[in-house]
N, C-alpha and C. Protein backbone atom coordinates (compact mmCIF):
# COMPACT_ATOMS: atom_id res chain seq x y z
N MET A 1 40.27 -106.68 -78.78
CA MET A 1 40.13 -106.33 -77.38
C MET A 1 40.10 -104.80 -77.24
N LEU A 2 39.14 -104.30 -76.52
CA LEU A 2 38.97 -102.87 -76.30
C LEU A 2 40.10 -102.35 -75.43
N GLU A 3 40.85 -101.37 -75.94
CA GLU A 3 41.99 -100.82 -75.20
C GLU A 3 41.61 -99.63 -74.33
N ARG A 4 40.54 -98.93 -74.73
CA ARG A 4 40.04 -97.82 -73.93
C ARG A 4 38.57 -97.62 -74.25
N LEU A 5 37.86 -97.03 -73.31
CA LEU A 5 36.45 -96.76 -73.47
C LEU A 5 36.27 -95.25 -73.55
N VAL A 6 35.71 -94.78 -74.64
CA VAL A 6 35.44 -93.35 -74.77
C VAL A 6 34.11 -93.09 -74.07
N PHE A 7 34.20 -92.35 -72.97
CA PHE A 7 33.05 -92.07 -72.11
C PHE A 7 33.07 -90.57 -71.84
N PRO A 8 32.38 -89.77 -72.66
CA PRO A 8 32.42 -88.32 -72.51
C PRO A 8 32.06 -87.87 -71.09
N GLU A 9 32.74 -86.86 -70.61
CA GLU A 9 32.56 -86.37 -69.24
C GLU A 9 31.10 -86.06 -68.92
N PRO A 10 30.32 -85.40 -69.81
CA PRO A 10 28.91 -85.15 -69.46
C PRO A 10 28.12 -86.44 -69.20
N LEU A 11 28.43 -87.51 -69.91
CA LEU A 11 27.73 -88.78 -69.69
C LEU A 11 28.21 -89.44 -68.40
N GLN A 12 29.51 -89.31 -68.07
CA GLN A 12 29.98 -89.80 -66.77
C GLN A 12 29.28 -89.06 -65.64
N GLN A 13 29.12 -87.75 -65.80
CA GLN A 13 28.44 -86.95 -64.78
C GLN A 13 26.96 -87.34 -64.66
N GLU A 14 26.36 -87.70 -65.79
CA GLU A 14 24.96 -88.15 -65.76
C GLU A 14 24.82 -89.42 -64.94
N VAL A 15 25.75 -90.37 -65.13
CA VAL A 15 25.70 -91.62 -64.37
C VAL A 15 25.95 -91.35 -62.88
N LEU A 16 26.90 -90.46 -62.58
CA LEU A 16 27.14 -90.10 -61.18
C LEU A 16 25.90 -89.45 -60.56
N ARG A 17 25.22 -88.59 -61.31
CA ARG A 17 24.00 -87.95 -60.81
C ARG A 17 22.92 -89.00 -60.55
N LEU A 18 22.74 -89.94 -61.48
CA LEU A 18 21.75 -91.00 -61.29
C LEU A 18 22.08 -91.82 -60.03
N ALA A 19 23.37 -92.10 -59.83
CA ALA A 19 23.78 -92.86 -58.64
C ALA A 19 23.48 -92.08 -57.36
N ARG A 20 23.78 -90.79 -57.36
CA ARG A 20 23.50 -89.97 -56.18
C ARG A 20 22.00 -89.90 -55.92
N ASP A 21 21.22 -89.73 -57.00
CA ASP A 21 19.76 -89.65 -56.85
C ASP A 21 19.18 -90.96 -56.33
N GLY A 22 19.79 -92.08 -56.70
CA GLY A 22 19.30 -93.40 -56.28
C GLY A 22 19.77 -93.83 -54.92
N ASP A 23 20.81 -93.19 -54.40
CA ASP A 23 21.38 -93.54 -53.10
C ASP A 23 20.29 -93.48 -52.03
N PRO A 24 20.13 -94.47 -51.17
CA PRO A 24 21.10 -95.50 -50.78
C PRO A 24 21.04 -96.79 -51.60
N ASP A 25 20.17 -96.84 -52.61
CA ASP A 25 20.07 -98.05 -53.43
C ASP A 25 21.05 -97.99 -54.60
N GLU A 26 21.43 -99.17 -55.07
CA GLU A 26 22.24 -99.25 -56.28
C GLU A 26 21.34 -98.92 -57.47
N ILE A 27 21.92 -98.27 -58.46
CA ILE A 27 21.21 -97.99 -59.71
C ILE A 27 21.89 -98.80 -60.80
N CYS A 28 21.19 -98.96 -61.94
CA CYS A 28 21.77 -99.75 -63.02
C CYS A 28 21.22 -99.28 -64.36
N GLY A 29 21.90 -99.70 -65.42
CA GLY A 29 21.44 -99.33 -66.74
C GLY A 29 22.35 -99.84 -67.84
N ILE A 30 22.07 -99.36 -69.03
CA ILE A 30 22.76 -99.81 -70.23
C ILE A 30 23.40 -98.61 -70.91
N LEU A 31 24.58 -98.82 -71.47
CA LEU A 31 25.32 -97.77 -72.18
C LEU A 31 25.28 -98.07 -73.67
N GLY A 32 24.76 -97.13 -74.44
CA GLY A 32 24.63 -97.33 -75.87
C GLY A 32 25.65 -96.52 -76.65
N GLY A 33 26.06 -97.04 -77.79
CA GLY A 33 27.01 -96.34 -78.64
C GLY A 33 27.51 -97.26 -79.73
N HIS A 34 28.78 -97.04 -80.12
CA HIS A 34 29.42 -97.85 -81.17
C HIS A 34 30.89 -98.05 -80.85
N LEU A 35 31.38 -99.27 -81.05
CA LEU A 35 32.81 -99.58 -81.04
C LEU A 35 33.57 -98.91 -79.89
N GLY A 36 33.11 -99.10 -78.66
CA GLY A 36 33.83 -98.57 -77.51
C GLY A 36 33.64 -97.09 -77.26
N VAL A 37 32.64 -96.48 -77.91
CA VAL A 37 32.34 -95.07 -77.69
C VAL A 37 30.91 -94.97 -77.15
N ILE A 38 30.78 -94.48 -75.93
CA ILE A 38 29.46 -94.34 -75.32
C ILE A 38 28.82 -93.05 -75.81
N GLU A 39 27.59 -93.18 -76.31
CA GLU A 39 26.86 -92.04 -76.83
C GLU A 39 25.61 -91.71 -76.01
N ARG A 40 25.06 -92.71 -75.30
CA ARG A 40 23.84 -92.49 -74.52
C ARG A 40 23.84 -93.37 -73.28
N VAL A 41 23.22 -92.86 -72.23
CA VAL A 41 23.02 -93.58 -70.97
C VAL A 41 21.54 -93.91 -70.87
N PHE A 42 21.22 -95.17 -70.62
CA PHE A 42 19.84 -95.62 -70.51
C PHE A 42 19.61 -96.24 -69.13
N PRO A 43 18.99 -95.50 -68.21
CA PRO A 43 18.69 -96.08 -66.89
C PRO A 43 17.69 -97.23 -67.01
N VAL A 44 17.86 -98.23 -66.16
CA VAL A 44 16.96 -99.37 -66.07
C VAL A 44 16.59 -99.53 -64.60
N SER A 45 15.33 -99.85 -64.34
CA SER A 45 14.87 -100.01 -62.95
C SER A 45 15.57 -101.17 -62.27
N ASN A 46 15.98 -100.95 -61.02
CA ASN A 46 16.59 -101.99 -60.20
C ASN A 46 15.48 -102.71 -59.45
N LYS A 47 15.28 -103.98 -59.75
CA LYS A 47 14.22 -104.78 -59.13
C LYS A 47 14.80 -105.83 -58.18
N ALA A 48 15.97 -105.57 -57.60
CA ALA A 48 16.61 -106.56 -56.73
C ALA A 48 15.70 -106.95 -55.56
N ASP A 49 14.91 -106.02 -55.04
CA ASP A 49 14.03 -106.33 -53.90
C ASP A 49 12.98 -107.38 -54.26
N GLU A 50 12.72 -107.58 -55.53
CA GLU A 50 11.71 -108.55 -55.96
C GLU A 50 12.30 -109.94 -56.21
N VAL A 51 13.61 -110.09 -56.03
CA VAL A 51 14.27 -111.37 -56.24
C VAL A 51 14.31 -112.12 -54.91
N SER A 52 13.63 -113.26 -54.85
CA SER A 52 13.55 -114.02 -53.60
C SER A 52 14.75 -114.94 -53.44
N ALA A 53 14.96 -115.38 -52.22
CA ALA A 53 16.05 -116.33 -51.94
C ALA A 53 15.85 -117.62 -52.73
N ASP A 54 14.60 -118.01 -52.95
CA ASP A 54 14.30 -119.25 -53.70
C ASP A 54 14.86 -119.22 -55.12
N GLN A 55 15.03 -118.03 -55.68
CA GLN A 55 15.55 -117.93 -57.05
C GLN A 55 17.05 -118.19 -57.11
N GLY A 56 17.75 -118.11 -55.99
CA GLY A 56 19.17 -118.45 -55.93
C GLY A 56 20.10 -117.48 -56.63
N VAL A 57 19.65 -116.26 -56.89
CA VAL A 57 20.48 -115.29 -57.59
C VAL A 57 21.54 -114.71 -56.67
N PHE A 58 21.12 -114.26 -55.50
CA PHE A 58 22.05 -113.61 -54.57
C PHE A 58 22.39 -114.56 -53.42
N ARG A 59 23.59 -114.34 -52.87
CA ARG A 59 24.06 -115.19 -51.76
C ARG A 59 24.65 -114.34 -50.66
N ASP A 60 24.56 -114.84 -49.46
CA ASP A 60 25.23 -114.20 -48.33
C ASP A 60 26.73 -114.33 -48.54
N ARG A 61 27.46 -113.23 -48.39
CA ARG A 61 28.91 -113.26 -48.69
C ARG A 61 29.69 -114.14 -47.73
N THR A 62 29.21 -114.27 -46.51
CA THR A 62 29.94 -115.07 -45.52
C THR A 62 29.61 -116.55 -45.63
N SER A 63 28.32 -116.87 -45.64
CA SER A 63 27.90 -118.28 -45.61
C SER A 63 27.71 -118.90 -46.98
N GLY A 64 27.46 -118.07 -48.01
CA GLY A 64 27.18 -118.58 -49.34
C GLY A 64 25.74 -119.05 -49.51
N VAL A 65 24.92 -118.90 -48.46
CA VAL A 65 23.52 -119.31 -48.51
C VAL A 65 22.72 -118.31 -49.36
N ALA A 66 21.79 -118.83 -50.17
CA ALA A 66 20.96 -117.98 -51.01
C ALA A 66 20.17 -116.99 -50.14
N THR A 67 20.08 -115.78 -50.63
CA THR A 67 19.37 -114.72 -49.91
C THR A 67 18.55 -113.91 -50.91
N GLY A 68 17.56 -113.22 -50.39
CA GLY A 68 16.78 -112.34 -51.24
C GLY A 68 17.58 -111.11 -51.62
N GLY A 69 17.19 -110.49 -52.71
CA GLY A 69 17.88 -109.28 -53.16
C GLY A 69 17.52 -108.08 -52.32
N ARG A 70 18.47 -107.16 -52.23
CA ARG A 70 18.26 -105.90 -51.50
C ARG A 70 18.92 -104.80 -52.32
N ARG A 71 18.12 -103.83 -52.76
CA ARG A 71 18.64 -102.78 -53.64
C ARG A 71 19.83 -102.01 -53.07
N PRO A 72 19.99 -101.83 -51.75
CA PRO A 72 21.18 -101.11 -51.29
C PRO A 72 22.50 -101.84 -51.57
N VAL A 73 22.43 -103.16 -51.81
CA VAL A 73 23.67 -103.91 -52.04
C VAL A 73 23.64 -104.79 -53.30
N HIS A 74 22.52 -104.82 -54.00
CA HIS A 74 22.39 -105.62 -55.21
C HIS A 74 21.71 -104.81 -56.30
N TYR A 75 21.91 -105.26 -57.53
CA TYR A 75 21.09 -104.74 -58.61
C TYR A 75 20.60 -105.91 -59.45
N TYR A 76 19.40 -105.76 -59.98
CA TYR A 76 18.81 -106.75 -60.85
C TYR A 76 17.95 -105.98 -61.84
N MET A 77 18.38 -105.94 -63.09
CA MET A 77 17.67 -105.14 -64.08
C MET A 77 16.27 -105.69 -64.34
N ASP A 78 15.29 -104.80 -64.28
CA ASP A 78 13.91 -105.15 -64.61
C ASP A 78 13.88 -105.65 -66.05
N PRO A 79 13.51 -106.92 -66.29
CA PRO A 79 13.54 -107.47 -67.65
C PRO A 79 12.69 -106.67 -68.65
N ARG A 80 11.54 -106.19 -68.23
CA ARG A 80 10.69 -105.41 -69.15
C ARG A 80 11.34 -104.08 -69.51
N ASP A 81 11.93 -103.45 -68.51
CA ASP A 81 12.61 -102.17 -68.73
C ASP A 81 13.84 -102.39 -69.61
N GLN A 82 14.54 -103.49 -69.38
CA GLN A 82 15.71 -103.83 -70.18
C GLN A 82 15.30 -104.05 -71.64
N LEU A 83 14.20 -104.73 -71.88
CA LEU A 83 13.70 -104.95 -73.23
C LEU A 83 13.33 -103.62 -73.89
N ARG A 84 12.72 -102.73 -73.12
CA ARG A 84 12.38 -101.40 -73.65
C ARG A 84 13.64 -100.69 -74.14
N VAL A 85 14.72 -100.76 -73.34
CA VAL A 85 15.98 -100.10 -73.73
C VAL A 85 16.56 -100.77 -74.97
N TYR A 86 16.55 -102.11 -75.03
CA TYR A 86 17.07 -102.79 -76.22
C TYR A 86 16.31 -102.36 -77.47
N ASN A 87 14.99 -102.23 -77.36
CA ASN A 87 14.19 -101.77 -78.50
C ASN A 87 14.54 -100.33 -78.88
N GLU A 88 14.77 -99.48 -77.88
CA GLU A 88 15.16 -98.10 -78.14
C GLU A 88 16.54 -98.04 -78.80
N LEU A 89 17.46 -98.86 -78.33
CA LEU A 89 18.79 -98.93 -78.95
C LEU A 89 18.67 -99.31 -80.42
N ASP A 90 17.86 -100.33 -80.70
CA ASP A 90 17.66 -100.76 -82.10
C ASP A 90 17.10 -99.61 -82.94
N ALA A 91 16.10 -98.91 -82.40
CA ALA A 91 15.47 -97.82 -83.14
C ALA A 91 16.46 -96.69 -83.42
N LEU A 92 17.40 -96.48 -82.50
CA LEU A 92 18.40 -95.42 -82.66
C LEU A 92 19.63 -95.87 -83.44
N GLY A 93 19.71 -97.16 -83.74
CA GLY A 93 20.88 -97.68 -84.45
C GLY A 93 22.12 -97.75 -83.58
N LEU A 94 21.92 -97.91 -82.28
CA LEU A 94 23.04 -98.00 -81.34
C LEU A 94 23.25 -99.44 -80.88
N ASP A 95 24.47 -99.74 -80.47
CA ASP A 95 24.82 -101.04 -79.91
C ASP A 95 24.92 -100.94 -78.39
N VAL A 96 24.84 -102.08 -77.73
CA VAL A 96 25.14 -102.12 -76.29
C VAL A 96 26.66 -102.09 -76.16
N VAL A 97 27.17 -101.00 -75.61
CA VAL A 97 28.61 -100.89 -75.35
C VAL A 97 28.92 -101.47 -73.99
N GLY A 98 27.99 -101.30 -73.05
CA GLY A 98 28.23 -101.81 -71.71
C GLY A 98 27.03 -101.69 -70.82
N TYR A 99 27.22 -102.16 -69.60
CA TYR A 99 26.23 -102.07 -68.54
C TYR A 99 26.86 -101.28 -67.41
N TYR A 100 26.04 -100.59 -66.64
CA TYR A 100 26.58 -99.86 -65.49
C TYR A 100 25.73 -100.11 -64.26
N HIS A 101 26.36 -99.97 -63.12
CA HIS A 101 25.63 -99.94 -61.86
C HIS A 101 26.50 -99.25 -60.82
N SER A 102 25.87 -98.91 -59.70
CA SER A 102 26.60 -98.18 -58.66
C SER A 102 26.90 -99.07 -57.47
N HIS A 103 27.93 -98.69 -56.77
CA HIS A 103 28.26 -99.23 -55.45
C HIS A 103 28.18 -98.04 -54.51
N THR A 104 27.30 -98.11 -53.55
CA THR A 104 27.09 -96.96 -52.68
C THR A 104 28.12 -96.83 -51.56
N HIS A 105 28.75 -97.96 -51.18
CA HIS A 105 29.70 -97.90 -50.06
C HIS A 105 31.03 -98.59 -50.33
N THR A 106 31.23 -99.04 -51.57
CA THR A 106 32.49 -99.72 -51.88
C THR A 106 33.07 -99.14 -53.17
N GLU A 107 34.27 -99.55 -53.48
CA GLU A 107 34.97 -99.00 -54.64
C GLU A 107 34.29 -99.38 -55.95
N ALA A 108 34.65 -98.68 -57.00
CA ALA A 108 34.10 -98.92 -58.34
C ALA A 108 34.85 -100.07 -59.01
N ARG A 109 34.65 -101.25 -58.46
CA ARG A 109 35.29 -102.48 -58.94
C ARG A 109 34.26 -103.59 -58.80
N PRO A 110 34.11 -104.46 -59.81
CA PRO A 110 33.12 -105.53 -59.71
C PRO A 110 33.34 -106.40 -58.47
N SER A 111 32.27 -106.65 -57.75
CA SER A 111 32.31 -107.53 -56.59
C SER A 111 32.30 -108.98 -57.06
N PRO A 112 32.58 -109.92 -56.15
CA PRO A 112 32.46 -111.34 -56.53
C PRO A 112 31.06 -111.68 -57.06
N THR A 113 30.03 -111.05 -56.50
CA THR A 113 28.66 -111.28 -57.00
C THR A 113 28.53 -110.75 -58.42
N ASP A 114 29.08 -109.56 -58.68
CA ASP A 114 29.03 -109.00 -60.03
C ASP A 114 29.70 -109.93 -61.04
N VAL A 115 30.84 -110.48 -60.67
CA VAL A 115 31.58 -111.38 -61.56
C VAL A 115 30.78 -112.66 -61.77
N ARG A 116 30.25 -113.22 -60.70
CA ARG A 116 29.49 -114.47 -60.80
C ARG A 116 28.27 -114.31 -61.70
N LEU A 117 27.57 -113.17 -61.59
CA LEU A 117 26.33 -112.97 -62.34
C LEU A 117 26.55 -112.46 -63.77
N ALA A 118 27.77 -112.06 -64.10
CA ALA A 118 28.06 -111.55 -65.46
C ALA A 118 28.08 -112.72 -66.44
N THR A 119 27.12 -112.74 -67.34
CA THR A 119 27.09 -113.80 -68.36
C THR A 119 27.27 -113.24 -69.76
N ASP A 120 27.04 -111.95 -69.94
CA ASP A 120 27.28 -111.29 -71.23
C ASP A 120 28.68 -110.69 -71.14
N LEU A 121 29.65 -111.35 -71.75
CA LEU A 121 31.04 -110.97 -71.55
C LEU A 121 31.61 -110.08 -72.65
N SER A 122 30.81 -109.74 -73.66
CA SER A 122 31.33 -108.88 -74.71
C SER A 122 31.33 -107.40 -74.34
N PRO A 123 30.30 -106.88 -73.66
CA PRO A 123 30.34 -105.45 -73.30
C PRO A 123 31.22 -105.21 -72.07
N VAL A 124 31.41 -103.94 -71.79
CA VAL A 124 32.15 -103.55 -70.59
C VAL A 124 31.17 -103.37 -69.44
N TYR A 125 31.70 -103.42 -68.25
CA TYR A 125 30.93 -103.19 -67.04
C TYR A 125 31.49 -101.93 -66.38
N VAL A 126 30.66 -100.91 -66.30
CA VAL A 126 31.06 -99.64 -65.72
C VAL A 126 30.50 -99.58 -64.31
N LEU A 127 31.36 -99.28 -63.36
CA LEU A 127 30.95 -99.15 -61.97
C LEU A 127 31.12 -97.72 -61.52
N VAL A 128 30.15 -97.26 -60.76
CA VAL A 128 30.16 -95.93 -60.19
C VAL A 128 30.23 -96.10 -58.68
N SER A 129 31.20 -95.48 -58.05
CA SER A 129 31.34 -95.55 -56.60
C SER A 129 30.91 -94.23 -55.99
N LEU A 130 30.15 -94.32 -54.91
CA LEU A 130 29.73 -93.12 -54.18
C LEU A 130 30.48 -92.99 -52.85
N THR A 131 31.65 -93.58 -52.77
CA THR A 131 32.46 -93.45 -51.56
C THR A 131 32.90 -92.01 -51.40
N HIS A 132 33.76 -91.73 -50.43
CA HIS A 132 34.19 -90.35 -50.15
C HIS A 132 34.76 -89.64 -51.37
N GLN A 133 35.26 -90.40 -52.35
CA GLN A 133 35.75 -89.84 -53.61
C GLN A 133 34.99 -90.51 -54.75
N PRO A 134 33.78 -90.00 -55.10
CA PRO A 134 33.00 -90.64 -56.16
C PRO A 134 33.80 -90.75 -57.46
N ASN A 135 33.68 -91.90 -58.10
CA ASN A 135 34.39 -92.08 -59.36
C ASN A 135 33.70 -93.11 -60.24
N VAL A 136 34.14 -93.16 -61.50
CA VAL A 136 33.61 -94.06 -62.51
C VAL A 136 34.79 -94.85 -63.08
N ARG A 137 34.64 -96.18 -63.15
CA ARG A 137 35.68 -97.03 -63.72
C ARG A 137 35.03 -98.09 -64.60
N ALA A 138 35.76 -98.55 -65.60
CA ALA A 138 35.25 -99.55 -66.54
C ALA A 138 36.08 -100.84 -66.46
N TRP A 139 35.40 -101.97 -66.63
CA TRP A 139 36.02 -103.27 -66.48
C TRP A 139 35.55 -104.23 -67.56
N ARG A 140 36.41 -105.14 -67.91
CA ARG A 140 36.04 -106.31 -68.71
C ARG A 140 36.11 -107.48 -67.75
N ILE A 141 35.07 -108.31 -67.77
CA ILE A 141 35.05 -109.53 -66.97
C ILE A 141 35.35 -110.68 -67.92
N VAL A 142 36.41 -111.41 -67.63
CA VAL A 142 36.88 -112.49 -68.50
C VAL A 142 36.66 -113.83 -67.80
N LYS A 143 35.92 -114.72 -68.48
CA LYS A 143 35.68 -116.07 -67.96
C LYS A 143 35.80 -117.05 -69.13
N ASP A 144 36.25 -118.25 -68.84
CA ASP A 144 36.28 -119.29 -69.86
C ASP A 144 34.87 -119.71 -70.24
N ASP A 145 33.97 -119.70 -69.26
CA ASP A 145 32.58 -120.09 -69.45
C ASP A 145 31.71 -118.99 -68.85
N PRO A 146 30.78 -118.41 -69.60
CA PRO A 146 29.96 -117.32 -69.06
C PRO A 146 29.20 -117.69 -67.79
N MET A 147 28.95 -118.98 -67.56
CA MET A 147 28.22 -119.41 -66.36
C MET A 147 29.16 -119.69 -65.18
N ALA A 148 30.47 -119.53 -65.38
CA ALA A 148 31.44 -119.79 -64.32
C ALA A 148 31.22 -118.84 -63.14
N GLU A 149 31.54 -119.31 -61.97
CA GLU A 149 31.40 -118.53 -60.74
C GLU A 149 32.44 -117.42 -60.65
N ALA A 150 33.64 -117.68 -61.13
CA ALA A 150 34.75 -116.74 -60.98
C ALA A 150 35.28 -116.33 -62.35
N GLY A 151 36.04 -115.26 -62.34
CA GLY A 151 36.65 -114.78 -63.56
C GLY A 151 37.73 -113.77 -63.24
N GLN A 152 38.35 -113.27 -64.27
CA GLN A 152 39.40 -112.27 -64.12
C GLN A 152 38.85 -110.90 -64.45
N LEU A 153 39.37 -109.88 -63.80
CA LEU A 153 39.00 -108.49 -64.08
C LEU A 153 40.12 -107.79 -64.82
N GLN A 154 39.75 -107.04 -65.85
CA GLN A 154 40.71 -106.22 -66.56
C GLN A 154 40.13 -104.81 -66.60
N GLU A 155 40.84 -103.86 -66.00
CA GLU A 155 40.35 -102.49 -66.03
C GLU A 155 40.61 -101.89 -67.41
N ILE A 156 39.63 -101.13 -67.88
CA ILE A 156 39.73 -100.46 -69.18
C ILE A 156 39.82 -98.96 -68.92
N PRO A 157 40.88 -98.33 -69.40
CA PRO A 157 41.01 -96.89 -69.20
C PRO A 157 39.88 -96.12 -69.86
N LEU A 158 39.45 -95.03 -69.21
CA LEU A 158 38.42 -94.16 -69.77
C LEU A 158 39.06 -92.98 -70.48
N ALA A 159 38.47 -92.62 -71.61
CA ALA A 159 38.89 -91.45 -72.35
C ALA A 159 37.65 -90.59 -72.61
N GLU A 160 37.84 -89.30 -72.71
CA GLU A 160 36.69 -88.41 -72.92
C GLU A 160 36.34 -88.25 -74.39
N GLY A 161 37.15 -88.75 -75.28
CA GLY A 161 36.81 -88.72 -76.69
C GLY A 161 37.54 -87.68 -77.42
């Protein structure tokens, strides 16, 4: 179990800059490195606006009814862009350490939607908040079954290396 995530300050600042540049939309991407040490940030296009209600990915928080994606409150990694990053990671000899995305108006903590949609449970999930005090936090999402709707959150302390 990862006890801390080494996330150098310049890379944290890069993710914060990407989040600010993408505001009011959520941004997303992949973090590459080795054994809990982030070495590179790889932005991935957010295609949430292209996800229709018929696909059943996103839901209204109040009613639970399926809704279309909206980049200001959702992220959905472009599969082609994600594949490009995976190929680049392989070429560089890096592993997927984690995934990141921003919350433009809420804290840097996975939402119920984030937990529900998390199916890759080995990497960490880094959240960037653009609230009045922008910050970066890392989480492990723990579920008995990767397809489960709910799970537990465990915050992982960040270290600069």
